[in-house]
PDB file of N, CA and C in Angstrom:
ATOM      1  N   MET A   1      -5.980   0.259 -16.843  1.00  0.00           N
ATOM      2  CA  MET A   1      -4.859   0.775 -17.420  1.00  0.00           C
ATOM      3  C   MET A   1      -4.368  -0.863 -17.718  1.00  0.00           C
ATOM      4  N   GLY A   2      -2.423  -0.380 -16.505  1.00  0.00           N
ATOM      5  CA  GLY A   2      -1.231  -1.113 -16.479  1.00  0.00           C
ATOM      6  C   GLY A   2      -1.646  -2.531 -16.331  1.00  0.00           C
ATOM      7  N   GLU A   3      -0.859  -3.941 -16.788  1.00  0.00           N
ATOM      8  CA  GLU A   3      -0.425  -5.107 -15.723  1.00  0.00           C
ATOM      9  C   GLU A   3      -0.182  -4.581 -14.512  1.00  0.00           C
ATOM     10  N   GLU A   4      -0.889  -5.332 -13.739  1.00  0.00           N
ATOM     11  CA  GLU A   4      -1.153  -5.456 -12.514  1.00  0.00           C
ATOM     12  C   GLU A   4       1.275  -6.093 -12.022  1.00  0.00           C
ATOM     13  N   GLY A   5       1.878  -5.161 -11.512  1.00  0.00           N
ATOM     14  CA  GLY A   5       3.366  -5.774 -11.268  1.00  0.00           C
ATOM     15  C   GLY A   5       3.954  -5.898 -12.146  1.00  0.00           C
ATOM     16  N   VAL A   6       3.326  -4.773 -12.878  1.00  0.00           N
ATOM     17  CA  VAL A   6       4.031  -5.002 -14.052  1.00  0.00           C
ATOM     18  C   VAL A   6       4.554  -2.870 -14.225  1.00  0.00           C
ATOM     19  N   PRO A   7       6.384  -2.590 -13.805  1.00  0.00           N
ATOM     20  CA  PRO A   7       6.010  -1.429 -13.559  1.00  0.00           C
ATOM     21  C   PRO A   7       6.325  -0.444 -15.414  1.00  0.00           C
ATOM     22  N   LYS A   8       5.940   0.546 -14.974  1.00  0.00           N
ATOM     23  CA  LYS A   8       5.616   1.041 -16.766  1.00  0.00           C
ATOM     24  C   LYS A   8       7.266   1.827 -16.959  1.00  0.00           C
ATOM     25  N   THR A   9       7.380   1.984 -17.642  1.00  0.00           N
ATOM     26  CA  THR A   9       9.020   2.702 -18.305  1.00  0.00           C
ATOM     27  C   THR A   9       8.254   4.066 -18.526  1.00  0.00           C
ATOM     28  N   VAL A  10       8.153   5.316 -17.900  1.00  0.00           N
ATOM     29  CA  VAL A  10       8.312   6.708 -18.025  1.00  0.00           C
ATOM     30  C   VAL A  10       8.680   6.886 -18.857  1.00  0.00           C
ATOM     31  N   CYS A  11       8.234   7.803 -19.821  1.00  0.00           N
ATOM     32  CA  CYS A  11       8.857   8.745 -20.638  1.00  0.00           C
ATOM     33  C   CYS A  11      10.060   8.092 -21.492  1.00  0.00           C
ATOM     34  N   ALA A  12      10.049   6.670 -21.586  1.00  0.00           N
ATOM     35  CA  ALA A  12      10.834   5.270 -22.222  1.00  0.00           C
ATOM     36  C   ALA A  12      10.944   6.475 -23.753  1.00  0.00           C
ATOM     37  N   GLU A  13       9.655   6.472 -24.427  1.00  0.00           N
ATOM     38  CA  GLU A  13       9.543   6.953 -25.551  1.00  0.00           C
ATOM     39  C   GLU A  13      11.229   7.699 -26.496  1.00  0.00           C
ATOM     40  N   GLU A  14      10.415   9.054 -25.660  1.00  0.00           N
ATOM     41  CA  GLU A  14      10.925  10.017 -25.730  1.00  0.00           C
ATOM     42  C   GLU A  14      12.409   9.880 -25.549  1.00  0.00           C
ATOM     43  N   ALA A  15      13.257   9.361 -24.484  1.00  0.00           N
ATOM     44  CA  ALA A  15      13.963   8.823 -24.060  1.00  0.00           C
ATOM     45  C   ALA A  15      14.830   8.138 -25.291  1.00  0.00           C
ATOM     46  N   LEU A  16      14.517   7.208 -25.730  1.00  0.00           N
ATOM     47  CA  LEU A  16      14.845   6.278 -26.864  1.00  0.00           C
ATOM     48  C   LEU A  16      15.240   7.226 -27.876  1.00  0.00           C
ATOM     49  N   ASN A  17      14.078   8.304 -28.169  1.00  0.00           N
ATOM     50  CA  ASN A  17      14.410   9.295 -29.502  1.00  0.00           C
ATOM     51  C   ASN A  17      15.111  10.161 -28.755  1.00  0.00           C
ATOM     52  N   LEU A  18      15.008  10.526 -28.526  1.00  0.00           N
ATOM     53  CA  LEU A  18      16.661  11.320 -27.946  1.00  0.00           C
ATOM     54  C   LEU A  18      17.934  11.092 -28.735  1.00  0.00           C
ATOM     55  N   LEU A  19      17.962   9.497 -27.854  1.00  0.00           N
ATOM     56  CA  LEU A  19      19.387   9.207 -27.561  1.00  0.00           C
ATOM     57  C   LEU A  19      19.531   8.457 -29.130  1.00  0.00           C
ATOM     58  N   ASN A  20      18.716   7.942 -30.109  1.00  0.00           N
ATOM     59  CA  ASN A  20      18.654   7.519 -31.504  1.00  0.00           C
ATOM     60  C   ASN A  20      19.098   8.649 -32.903  1.00  0.00           C
ATOM     61  N   CYS A  21      18.681  10.024 -31.853  1.00  0.00           N
ATOM     62  CA  CYS A  21      18.967  11.579 -32.793  1.00  0.00           C
ATOM     63  C   CYS A  21      19.986  11.504 -33.076  1.00  0.00           C
ATOM     64  N   VAL A  22      20.762  11.415 -31.381  1.00  0.00           N
ATOM     65  CA  VAL A  22      21.998  11.968 -31.090  1.00  0.00           C
ATOM     66  C   VAL A  22      23.125  11.181 -32.060  1.00  0.00           C
ATOM     67  N   THR A  23      23.237  10.010 -32.026  1.00  0.00           N
ATOM     68  CA  THR A  23      23.660   8.934 -32.546  1.00  0.00           C
ATOM     69  C   THR A  23      23.691   9.036 -34.544  1.00  0.00           C
ATOM     70  N   GLN A  24      22.842   9.299 -34.531  1.00  0.00           N
ATOM     71  CA  GLN A  24      22.630   9.707 -36.768  1.00  0.00           C
ATOM     72  C   GLN A  24      23.738  10.676 -37.405  1.00  0.00           C
ATOM     73  N   SER A  25      23.937  10.202 -38.458  1.00  0.00           N
ATOM     74  CA  SER A  25      24.779  10.725 -39.118  1.00  0.00           C
ATOM     75  C   SER A  25      24.283  11.296 -40.328  1.00  0.00           C
ATOM     76  N   PRO A  26      24.002  12.388 -40.697  1.00  0.00           N
ATOM     77  CA  PRO A  26      24.338  13.358 -40.288  1.00  0.00           C
ATOM     78  C   PRO A  26      23.143  13.758 -38.873  1.00  0.00           C
ATOM     79  N   TYR A  27      24.605  14.258 -37.976  1.00  0.00           N
ATOM     80  CA  TYR A  27      23.590  15.432 -37.021  1.00  0.00           C
ATOM     81  C   TYR A  27      22.717  16.332 -36.974  1.00  0.00           C
ATOM     82  N   ASP A  28      21.444  16.069 -36.402  1.00  0.00           N
ATOM     83  CA  ASP A  28      20.578  16.869 -37.099  1.00  0.00           C
ATOM     84  C   ASP A  28      20.416  17.796 -35.515  1.00  0.00           C
ATOM     85  N   GLN A  29      20.816  18.952 -34.983  1.00  0.00           N
ATOM     86  CA  GLN A  29      20.840  19.718 -33.812  1.00  0.00           C
ATOM     87  C   GLN A  29      19.239  19.675 -33.979  1.00  0.00           C
ATOM     88  N   ASP A  30      18.217  20.284 -34.409  1.00  0.00           N
ATOM     89  CA  ASP A  30      17.202  21.180 -34.465  1.00  0.00           C
ATOM     90  C   ASP A  30      16.548  19.813 -34.361  1.00  0.00           C
ATOM     91  N   LYS A  31      16.192  19.133 -34.364  1.00  0.00           N
ATOM     92  CA  LYS A  31      15.499  17.780 -34.927  1.00  0.00           C
ATOM     93  C   LYS A  31      15.696  16.753 -33.349  1.00  0.00           C
ATOM     94  N   CYS A  32      17.252  16.916 -32.391  1.00  0.00           N
ATOM     95  CA  CYS A  32      17.481  16.612 -31.172  1.00  0.00           C
ATOM     96  C   CYS A  32      16.817  17.641 -30.450  1.00  0.00           C
ATOM     97  N   ILE A  33      17.052  18.877 -30.883  1.00  0.00           N
ATOM     98  CA  ILE A  33      16.730  19.725 -29.924  1.00  0.00           C
ATOM     99  C   ILE A  33      15.032  19.361 -29.294  1.00  0.00           C
ATOM    100  N   ASN A  34      14.623  19.432 -30.578  1.00  0.00           N
ATOM    101  CA  ASN A  34      12.719  19.175 -30.512  1.00  0.00           C
ATOM    102  C   ASN A  34      12.572  17.993 -29.338  1.00  0.00           C
ATOM    103  N   LEU A  35      13.385  17.047 -29.831  1.00  0.00           N
ATOM    104  CA  LEU A  35      13.085  15.959 -28.815  1.00  0.00           C
ATOM    105  C   LEU A  35      13.699  15.348 -27.791  1.00  0.00           C
ATOM    106  N   LEU A  36      14.797  16.820 -27.712  1.00  0.00           N
ATOM    107  CA  LEU A  36      15.153  17.000 -25.759  1.00  0.00           C
ATOM    108  C   LEU A  36      13.883  17.737 -25.004  1.00  0.00           C
ATOM    109  N   ASN A  37      13.186  18.825 -25.801  1.00  0.00           N
ATOM    110  CA  ASN A  37      11.964  19.251 -25.407  1.00  0.00           C
ATOM    111  C   ASN A  37      10.942  18.861 -24.701  1.00  0.00           C
ATOM    112  N   SER A  38      10.574  17.508 -25.917  1.00  0.00           N
ATOM    113  CA  SER A  38       9.766  16.813 -25.874  1.00  0.00           C
ATOM    114  C   SER A  38       9.953  15.494 -24.612  1.00  0.00           C
ATOM    115  N   LEU A  39      10.825  15.130 -24.394  1.00  0.00           N
ATOM    116  CA  LEU A  39      11.185  14.612 -23.077  1.00  0.00           C
ATOM    117  C   LEU A  39      11.319  15.230 -21.833  1.00  0.00           C
ATOM    118  N   ARG A  40      11.505  16.664 -21.783  1.00  0.00           N
ATOM    119  CA  ARG A  40      11.407  17.659 -20.977  1.00  0.00           C
ATOM    120  C   ARG A  40      10.481  17.504 -20.816  1.00  0.00           C
ATOM    121  N   ASN A  41       9.535  18.123 -21.484  1.00  0.00           N
ATOM    122  CA  ASN A  41       8.049  17.961 -21.291  1.00  0.00           C
ATOM    123  C   ASN A  41       7.520  16.734 -20.747  1.00  0.00           C
ATOM    124  N   CYS A  42       7.971  15.534 -21.238  1.00  0.00           N
ATOM    125  CA  CYS A  42       7.048  14.586 -20.529  1.00  0.00           C
ATOM    126  C   CYS A  42       7.893  13.924 -19.204  1.00  0.00           C
ATOM    127  N   VAL A  43       8.690  14.603 -18.684  1.00  0.00           N
ATOM    128  CA  VAL A  43       9.740  14.394 -17.219  1.00  0.00           C
ATOM    129  C   VAL A  43       9.034  15.174 -16.251  1.00  0.00           C
ATOM    130  N   LEU A  44       8.721  16.003 -17.037  1.00  0.00           N
ATOM    131  CA  LEU A  44       8.057  17.506 -16.063  1.00  0.00           C
ATOM    132  C   LEU A  44       6.429  17.323 -15.906  1.00  0.00           C
ATOM    133  N   ALA A  45       6.002  16.583 -16.859  1.00  0.00           N
ATOM    134  CA  ALA A  45       4.230  16.098 -16.335  1.00  0.00           C
ATOM    135  C   ALA A  45       3.745  14.460 -15.536  1.00  0.00           C
ATOM    136  N   LYS A  46       5.276  14.023 -15.719  1.00  0.00           N
ATOM    137  CA  LYS A  46       4.872  12.866 -15.385  1.00  0.00           C
ATOM    138  C   LYS A  46       5.997  12.774 -13.879  1.00  0.00           C
ATOM    139  N   LYS A  47       5.994  13.758 -13.542  1.00  0.00           N
ATOM    140  CA  LYS A  47       7.258  14.403 -12.519  1.00  0.00           C
ATOM    141  C   LYS A  47       8.359  13.470 -11.790  1.00  0.00           C
ATOM    142  N   VAL A  48       9.207  12.842 -12.741  1.00  0.00           N
ATOM    143  CA  VAL A  48      10.001  12.029 -12.744  1.00  0.00           C
ATOM    144  C   VAL A  48      11.255  12.732 -12.725  1.00  0.00           C
ATOM    145  N   LYS A  49      12.042  11.817 -11.062  1.00  0.00           N
ATOM    146  CA  LYS A  49      13.018  12.836 -10.443  1.00  0.00           C
ATOM    147  C   LYS A  49      14.270  12.125 -11.113  1.00  0.00           C
ATOM    148  N   LYS A  50      14.459  10.805 -11.510  1.00  0.00           N
ATOM    149  CA  LYS A  50      15.894   9.991 -11.857  1.00  0.00           C
ATOM    150  C   LYS A  50      15.520   9.061 -13.131  1.00  0.00           C
ATOM    151  N   PHE A  51      16.171   8.635 -13.091  1.00  0.00           N
ATOM    152  CA  PHE A  51      16.289   7.866 -14.625  1.00  0.00           C
ATOM    153  C   PHE A  51      17.636   6.936 -13.832  1.00  0.00           C
ATOM    154  N   SER A  52      16.726   5.277 -14.065  1.00  0.00           N
ATOM    155  CA  SER A  52      17.974   4.614 -13.655  1.00  0.00           C
ATOM    156  C   SER A  52      17.775   3.408 -15.340  1.00  0.00           C
ATOM    157  N   LEU A  53      19.024   3.010 -14.974  1.00  0.00           N
ATOM    158  CA  LEU A  53      19.089   2.000 -16.255  1.00  0.00           C
ATOM    159  C   LEU A  53      18.814   0.194 -15.774  1.00  0.00           C
ATOM    160  N   ALA A  54      17.800  -0.890 -16.727  1.00  0.00           N
ATOM    161  CA  ALA A  54      18.116  -2.305 -15.761  1.00  0.00           C
ATOM    162  C   ALA A  54      18.699  -2.271 -15.152  1.00  0.00           C
ATOM    163  N   GLU A  55      20.222  -2.741 -15.819  1.00  0.00           N
ATOM    164  CA  GLU A  55      21.674  -3.596 -15.141  1.00  0.00           C
ATOM    165  C   GLU A  55      21.484  -2.537 -13.612  1.00  0.00           C
ATOM    166  N   GLN A  56      21.133  -1.299 -13.640  1.00  0.00           N
ATOM    167  CA  GLN A  56      21.507  -0.305 -12.459  1.00  0.00           C
ATOM    168  C   GLN A  56      20.987  -0.587 -11.583  1.00  0.00           C
ATOM    169  N   GLU A  57      19.454  -1.393 -11.815  1.00  0.00           N
ATOM    170  CA  GLU A  57      18.330  -1.318 -10.364  1.00  0.00           C
ATOM    171  C   GLU A  57      18.829  -3.001 -10.123  1.00  0.00           C
ATOM    172  N   GLN A  58      19.489  -3.608 -10.723  1.00  0.00           N
ATOM    173  CA  GLN A  58      19.975  -5.209 -10.569  1.00  0.00           C
ATOM    174  C   GLN A  58      20.923  -5.252  -9.651  1.00  0.00           C
ATOM    175  N   GLN A  59      21.840  -4.266 -10.000  1.00  0.00           N
ATOM    176  CA  GLN A  59      22.957  -4.609  -9.010  1.00  0.00           C
ATOM    177  C   GLN A  59      22.882  -4.172  -8.278  1.00  0.00           C
ATOM    178  N   GLY A  60      22.023  -3.463  -7.664  1.00  0.00           N
ATOM    179  CA  GLY A  60      21.537  -2.949  -6.221  1.00  0.00           C
ATOM    180  C   GLY A  60      22.656  -1.954  -5.633  1.00  0.00           C
ATOM    181  N   THR A  61      22.708  -2.625  -4.689  1.00  0.00           N
ATOM    182  CA  THR A  61      24.224  -1.692  -3.624  1.00  0.00           C
ATOM    183  C   THR A  61      25.016  -2.759  -3.279  1.00  0.00           C
ATOM    184  N   LYS A  62      25.386  -3.814  -4.479  1.00  0.00           N
ATOM    185  CA  LYS A  62      26.402  -4.316  -4.321  1.00  0.00           C
ATOM    186  C   LYS A  62      27.929  -3.799  -5.375  1.00  0.00           C
ATOM    187  N   PRO A  63      29.066  -3.717  -4.221  1.00  0.00           N
ATOM    188  CA  PRO A  63      30.535  -3.438  -4.878  1.00  0.00           C
ATOM    189  C   PRO A  63      30.332  -3.705  -6.428  1.00  0.00           C
ATOM    190  N   SER A  64      30.778  -3.090  -7.413  1.00  0.00           N
ATOM    191  CA  SER A  64      31.228  -4.228  -8.194  1.00  0.00           C
ATOM    192  C   SER A  64      32.139  -4.463  -8.546  1.00  0.00           C
ATOM    193  N   ASN A  65      33.573  -4.583  -7.480  1.00  0.00           N
ATOM    194  CA  ASN A  65      34.785  -5.035  -7.338  1.00  0.00           C
ATOM    195  C   ASN A  65      34.713  -5.411  -6.686  1.00  0.00           C
ATOM    196  N   GLN A  66      34.921  -6.480  -6.011  1.00  0.00           N
ATOM    197  CA  GLN A  66      34.994  -7.571  -4.691  1.00  0.00           C
ATOM    198  C   GLN A  66      35.936  -7.925  -4.546  1.00  0.00           C
ATOM    199  N   LYS A  67      36.859  -7.921  -3.431  1.00  0.00           N
ATOM    200  CA  LYS A  67      38.379  -8.195  -3.257  1.00  0.00           C
ATOM    201  C   LYS A  67      38.007  -9.627  -2.156  1.00  0.00           C
ATOM    202  N   ALA A  68      38.829 -10.952  -3.131  1.00  0.00           N
ATOM    203  CA  ALA A  68      38.686 -11.997  -1.953  1.00  0.00           C
ATOM    204  C   ALA A  68      39.555 -12.000  -0.752  1.00  0.00           C
TER     205      ALA A  68
END
């Protein structure tokens, strides 16, 4: 299946397609709704509870504004 130790990003293609759709001009609402439905179906099928960005994962629980 996948490589050992490398986490697979679940529903990444669907999420990226939706994000790119909303940035296009002119905005095609029907196309974006179809992509939203594709993403929704994927997260339901894969039982995704929450998404996070790579930057958020690296920060962990460190506060972003530390006072000296």
